[in-house]
Amino acid sequence: MSVVKALVHPTAYVGDGVKLGEGCRIEAYSKIFSGVELSGNVFVDFEAAIFGPTKIGEGTYVGSNCLIGHPRREELGSALKERAGGFSPRRAETVIGKKCVIRSGCIIYSGVKIGDGVEFGHNVLVREDVEIGEGSLVGTNSVIDGRCSIGRGGSIQTGAYISACSKIEDRSFLGPYCILLNDKYAAKKKAKLVGPTIKKGASIGGNAAIMAGVTVGEHSLVGASAVVTKDVPSRSIYVGVPAKLLKRVPEEWITSFRPRP
């Protein structure tokens, strides 16, 4: 363990090879395993667990009962083989940027990349190989499945579900409990999983459903509880079940979301 003026509670566990920057604080019963690097002034609250290889940027807060670097399915399988005398490959590195806020109960899998200034609510689940751009917000109880990309300065509200292989571009807004789906046939027929694409500055209303492979165009608006089965052109307002064009987005409307400093 490499420690430079860090405060580690006596009940916390810090493994071999862990690097703690100046001003780090590790609270009671937290566990920091080998291969973890914490930059200066990182605060790990009580009973959190961080698996390596993980890097966390300066000034980031990790809340109580968070789990960072959770092994993906194949890594768990390899770990079981290792116990039986097999070989376990190196885990994918998890990276969390500077001045992030990861509130209590969040689970972040291995291979996730999170930019600077990202803020999570409570109990957020982020699966493997997800990328989240700087300054984004992810609300409480949201789920982001594997291999998704979230752009800069976005806002994902409480309870949103983003299926695997979805793409959300910069400054997009996802309302509470909206869902992005990736299986066109709902497991009744073999099909490639293709998540929706939400283009730059688009907004999705609460409880709306965006079906597999659909693209919502730049600066468009999908109304609350709409079911979107076809592509939405840029600067359009779509509402209803199935969603249809209501009107064009007025020229004076602009997104209010910008990447936070």
Protein backbone atom coordinates (compact mmCIF):
# COMPACT_ATOMS: atom_id res chain seq x y z
CA MET A 1 0.00 0.00 0.00
CA SER A 2 1.27 3.44 -0.94
CA VAL A 3 -0.23 6.15 1.31
CA VAL A 4 0.58 9.88 1.35
CA LYS A 5 -1.13 11.64 4.27
CA ALA A 6 -4.36 9.70 3.87
CA LEU A 7 -6.84 9.00 6.65
CA VAL A 8 -7.81 5.31 6.85
CA HIS A 9 -10.26 4.12 9.52
CA PRO A 10 -8.80 1.26 11.58
CA THR A 11 -11.67 -1.08 10.57
CA ALA A 12 -11.14 -0.44 6.83
CA TYR A 13 -9.19 -2.89 4.64
CA VAL A 14 -6.62 -1.59 2.16
CA GLY A 15 -4.92 -4.29 0.06
CA ASP A 16 -1.38 -4.66 -1.23
CA GLY A 17 -0.46 -2.36 -4.08
CA VAL A 18 -3.25 0.17 -3.42
CA LYS A 19 -2.24 3.79 -4.03
CA LEU A 20 -3.90 6.47 -1.92
CA GLY A 21 -3.31 10.13 -2.79
CA GLU A 22 -2.86 12.94 -0.31
CA GLY A 23 -6.00 13.83 1.62
CA CYS A 24 -7.87 10.60 0.85
CA ARG A 25 -10.31 9.42 3.49
CA ILE A 26 -11.41 5.79 3.85
CA GLU A 27 -14.26 5.31 6.30
CA ALA A 28 -15.22 2.41 8.56
CA TYR A 29 -15.49 -1.13 7.15
CA SER A 30 -14.73 -0.11 3.59
CA LYS A 31 -12.56 -2.44 1.50
CA ILE A 32 -10.06 -1.24 -1.09
CA PHE A 33 -8.55 -4.18 -2.98
CA SER A 34 -5.26 -4.47 -4.84
CA GLY A 35 -4.93 -2.60 -8.10
CA VAL A 36 -6.88 0.47 -6.97
CA GLU A 37 -5.48 3.99 -7.39
CA LEU A 38 -7.18 6.91 -5.63
CA SER A 39 -6.05 10.43 -6.46
CA GLY A 40 -5.94 13.20 -3.87
CA ASN A 41 -8.92 14.02 -1.65
CA VAL A 42 -11.05 11.03 -2.65
CA PHE A 43 -13.63 10.26 0.07
CA VAL A 44 -14.80 6.63 0.39
CA ASP A 45 -17.70 6.44 2.82
CA PHE A 46 -18.41 3.51 5.14
CA GLU A 47 -18.84 -0.09 3.92
CA ALA A 48 -17.97 0.64 0.29
CA ALA A 49 -15.94 -1.88 -1.75
CA ILE A 50 -13.61 -1.03 -4.64
CA PHE A 51 -12.04 -3.79 -6.76
CA GLY A 52 -8.98 -3.29 -8.94
CA PRO A 53 -7.95 -2.35 -11.44
CA THR A 54 -9.75 0.94 -10.75
CA LYS A 55 -8.63 4.57 -10.95
CA ILE A 56 -10.62 7.33 -9.25
CA GLY A 57 -9.89 11.01 -9.90
CA GLU A 58 -9.21 13.81 -7.46
CA GLY A 59 -11.99 15.00 -5.18
CA THR A 60 -14.49 12.25 -6.02
CA TYR A 61 -16.95 11.00 -3.41
CA VAL A 62 -17.93 7.31 -3.20
CA GLY A 63 -20.95 6.80 -0.96
CA SER A 64 -21.67 4.14 1.62
CA ASN A 65 -22.37 0.59 0.42
CA CYS A 66 -21.19 1.33 -3.12
CA LEU A 67 -19.46 -1.38 -5.12
CA ILE A 68 -16.95 -0.23 -7.75
CA GLY A 69 -15.34 -2.58 -10.29
CA HIS A 70 -17.86 -5.40 -9.89
CA PRO A 71 -16.73 -8.35 -12.06
CA ARG A 72 -18.67 -9.02 -15.24
CA ARG A 73 -20.16 -12.45 -15.95
CA GLU A 74 -17.07 -13.93 -17.63
CA GLU A 75 -14.83 -12.58 -14.88
CA LEU A 76 -16.97 -14.27 -12.25
CA GLY A 77 -16.71 -17.53 -14.21
CA SER A 78 -12.94 -17.18 -14.37
CA ALA A 79 -12.78 -16.54 -10.65
CA LEU A 80 -14.64 -19.79 -10.00
CA LYS A 81 -12.22 -21.66 -12.30
CA GLU A 82 -9.30 -20.08 -10.49
CA ARG A 83 -10.59 -21.49 -7.22
CA ALA A 84 -10.58 -24.88 -8.95
CA GLY A 85 -7.02 -24.43 -10.22
CA GLY A 86 -7.76 -22.65 -13.51
CA PHE A 87 -6.53 -19.35 -14.95
CA SER A 88 -8.14 -15.99 -14.27
CA PRO A 89 -7.53 -13.18 -16.81
CA ARG A 90 -6.99 -9.59 -15.74
CA ARG A 91 -10.18 -7.63 -15.17
CA ALA A 92 -11.03 -4.66 -17.36
CA GLU A 93 -10.04 -1.35 -15.77
CA THR A 94 -12.72 0.91 -14.27
CA VAL A 95 -12.07 4.66 -14.45
CA ILE A 96 -13.97 7.39 -12.56
CA GLY A 97 -12.99 10.99 -13.22
CA LYS A 98 -12.41 14.02 -11.00
CA LYS A 99 -15.02 15.59 -8.73
CA CYS A 100 -17.65 12.91 -9.31
CA VAL A 101 -20.40 12.11 -6.81
CA ILE A 102 -21.35 8.42 -6.51
CA ARG A 103 -24.10 8.27 -3.89
CA SER A 104 -24.87 5.35 -1.61
CA GLY A 105 -25.81 1.94 -2.98
CA CYS A 106 -24.44 2.38 -6.51
CA ILE A 107 -22.91 -0.60 -8.35
CA ILE A 108 -20.44 0.08 -11.16
CA TYR A 109 -19.08 -2.88 -13.13
CA SER A 110 -15.58 -3.40 -14.50
CA GLY A 111 -14.63 -1.65 -17.72
CA VAL A 112 -16.80 1.41 -17.05
CA LYS A 113 -15.39 4.84 -17.94
CA ILE A 114 -16.90 7.87 -16.20
CA GLY A 115 -15.84 11.43 -17.06
CA ASP A 116 -15.15 14.34 -14.73
CA GLY A 117 -17.96 15.92 -12.74
CA VAL A 118 -20.50 13.13 -13.22
CA GLU A 119 -23.13 12.86 -10.48
CA PHE A 120 -25.13 9.75 -9.55
CA GLY A 121 -28.24 9.48 -7.41
CA HIS A 122 -28.68 6.52 -5.07
CA ASN A 123 -28.74 2.85 -6.13
CA VAL A 124 -27.65 3.39 -9.73
CA LEU A 125 -26.54 0.24 -11.61
CA VAL A 126 -24.00 0.61 -14.44
CA ARG A 127 -23.02 -2.58 -16.26
CA GLU A 128 -19.74 -3.39 -18.02
CA ASP A 129 -18.12 -1.31 -20.79
CA VAL A 130 -20.37 1.72 -20.38
CA GLU A 131 -18.96 5.19 -21.07
CA ILE A 132 -20.48 8.29 -19.43
CA GLY A 133 -19.36 11.75 -20.56
CA GLU A 134 -18.29 14.56 -18.26
CA GLY A 135 -20.87 16.64 -16.44
CA SER A 136 -23.72 14.14 -16.82
CA LEU A 137 -26.36 13.37 -14.19
CA VAL A 138 -27.75 9.87 -13.57
CA GLY A 139 -30.79 9.72 -11.31
CA THR A 140 -31.65 7.42 -8.43
CA ASN A 141 -32.54 3.79 -9.29
CA SER A 142 -31.51 4.15 -12.93
CA VAL A 143 -30.09 1.12 -14.77
CA ILE A 144 -27.60 1.39 -17.64
CA ASP A 145 -26.90 -2.00 -19.21
CA GLY A 146 -23.63 -2.99 -20.85
CA ARG A 147 -21.88 -1.43 -23.86
CA CYS A 148 -23.82 1.83 -23.79
CA SER A 149 -22.41 5.29 -24.39
CA ILE A 150 -23.72 8.42 -22.68
CA GLY A 151 -22.52 11.78 -23.98
CA ARG A 152 -21.42 14.93 -22.16
CA GLY A 153 -23.77 17.04 -20.08
CA GLY A 154 -26.77 14.73 -20.23
CA SER A 155 -29.53 14.29 -17.66
CA ILE A 156 -30.96 10.83 -16.93
CA GLN A 157 -33.81 11.08 -14.45
CA THR A 158 -35.00 8.74 -11.69
CA GLY A 159 -35.70 5.13 -12.61
CA ALA A 160 -34.69 5.29 -16.28
CA TYR A 161 -33.77 1.97 -17.94
CA ILE A 162 -31.22 2.00 -20.77
CA SER A 163 -30.80 -1.38 -22.44
CA ALA A 164 -27.46 -2.72 -23.68
CA CYS A 165 -25.95 -1.25 -26.87
CA SER A 166 -27.83 2.06 -26.62
CA LYS A 167 -26.24 5.38 -27.57
CA ILE A 168 -27.16 8.72 -26.00
CA GLU A 169 -25.43 11.78 -27.37
CA ASP A 170 -24.43 15.06 -25.68
CA ARG A 171 -26.91 17.15 -23.68
CA SER A 172 -29.81 14.74 -24.02
CA PHE A 173 -32.59 14.45 -21.43
CA LEU A 174 -34.25 11.18 -20.36
CA GLY A 175 -37.33 11.68 -18.18
CA PRO A 176 -38.27 9.61 -15.13
CA TYR A 177 -38.91 5.90 -15.76
CA CYS A 178 -38.48 6.08 -19.52
CA ILE A 179 -37.17 2.88 -21.14
CA LEU A 180 -34.86 2.26 -24.06
CA LEU A 181 -35.27 -1.27 -25.47
CA ASN A 182 -32.93 -3.36 -27.64
CA ASP A 183 -34.84 -6.56 -28.53
CA LYS A 184 -37.34 -6.03 -31.36
CA TYR A 185 -39.04 -9.40 -30.86
CA ALA A 186 -38.97 -9.61 -27.04
CA ALA A 187 -37.07 -12.94 -27.09
CA LYS A 188 -39.64 -14.62 -29.40
CA LYS A 189 -37.25 -14.64 -32.35
CA LYS A 190 -33.49 -14.49 -32.76
CA ALA A 191 -32.36 -10.97 -33.51
CA LYS A 192 -29.29 -8.81 -33.03
CA LEU A 193 -29.65 -6.59 -29.99
CA VAL A 194 -29.64 -2.98 -31.17
CA GLY A 195 -30.41 -0.24 -28.69
CA PRO A 196 -31.92 3.13 -29.60
CA THR A 197 -29.84 6.17 -30.50
CA ILE A 198 -30.81 9.44 -28.83
CA LYS A 199 -29.19 12.25 -30.77
CA LYS A 200 -27.67 15.44 -29.43
CA GLY A 201 -30.01 17.64 -27.39
CA ALA A 202 -33.06 15.37 -27.71
CA SER A 203 -35.53 14.98 -24.82
CA ILE A 204 -37.54 11.87 -23.85
CA GLY A 205 -40.57 12.37 -21.62
CA GLY A 206 -41.30 10.38 -18.48
CA ASN A 207 -42.51 6.78 -18.93
CA ALA A 208 -41.89 6.88 -22.69
CA ALA A 209 -40.68 3.70 -24.43
CA ILE A 210 -38.17 3.86 -27.28
CA MET A 211 -38.11 0.60 -29.25
CA ALA A 212 -35.06 -1.29 -30.51
CA GLY A 213 -33.00 0.38 -33.19
CA VAL A 214 -35.00 3.63 -33.23
CA THR A 215 -33.16 6.93 -33.68
CA VAL A 216 -34.53 10.08 -32.04
CA GLY A 217 -33.17 13.06 -33.98
CA GLU A 218 -31.28 16.08 -32.70
CA HIS A 219 -33.24 18.48 -30.47
CA SER A 220 -36.44 16.44 -30.82
CA LEU A 221 -38.99 15.90 -28.07
CA VAL A 222 -40.84 12.64 -27.27
CA GLY A 223 -43.92 13.17 -25.09
CA ALA A 224 -44.57 11.44 -21.78
CA SER A 225 -45.79 7.81 -22.05
CA ALA A 226 -45.28 7.72 -25.82
CA VAL A 227 -44.27 4.47 -27.53
CA VAL A 228 -41.80 5.24 -30.32
CA THR A 229 -41.60 2.50 -32.98
CA LYS A 230 -40.06 4.50 -35.86
CA ASP A 231 -37.28 7.04 -36.25
CA VAL A 232 -38.04 10.59 -35.09
CA PRO A 233 -36.69 13.33 -37.37
CA SER A 234 -34.63 16.18 -35.94
CA ARG A 235 -36.48 19.04 -34.19
CA SER A 236 -39.80 17.13 -34.13
CA ILE A 237 -42.33 16.58 -31.34
CA TYR A 238 -43.78 13.05 -31.25
CA VAL A 239 -46.56 11.94 -28.90
CA GLY A 240 -48.98 9.04 -28.42
CA VAL A 241 -49.15 5.26 -28.86
CA PRO A 242 -47.73 4.60 -31.35
CA ALA A 243 -45.97 7.95 -31.41
CA LYS A 244 -46.80 10.31 -34.26
CA LEU A 245 -45.71 13.78 -35.27
CA LEU A 246 -47.49 16.54 -33.35
CA LYS A 247 -45.53 19.50 -34.70
CA ARG A 248 -42.03 20.80 -35.24
CA VAL A 249 -39.99 22.02 -32.29
CA PRO A 250 -40.22 25.82 -32.30
CA GLU A 251 -37.01 27.55 -33.37
CA GLU A 252 -36.82 29.48 -30.10
CA TRP A 253 -36.68 26.28 -28.03
CA ILE A 254 -33.20 25.21 -26.99
CA THR A 255 -31.88 22.64 -24.56
CA SER A 256 -31.03 24.01 -21.13
CA PHE A 257 -28.45 21.33 -20.42
CA ARG A 258 -24.75 22.11 -20.57
CA PRO A 259 -21.73 20.21 -19.21
CA ARG A 260 -21.12 21.34 -15.66
CA PRO A 261 -17.67 22.68 -14.70
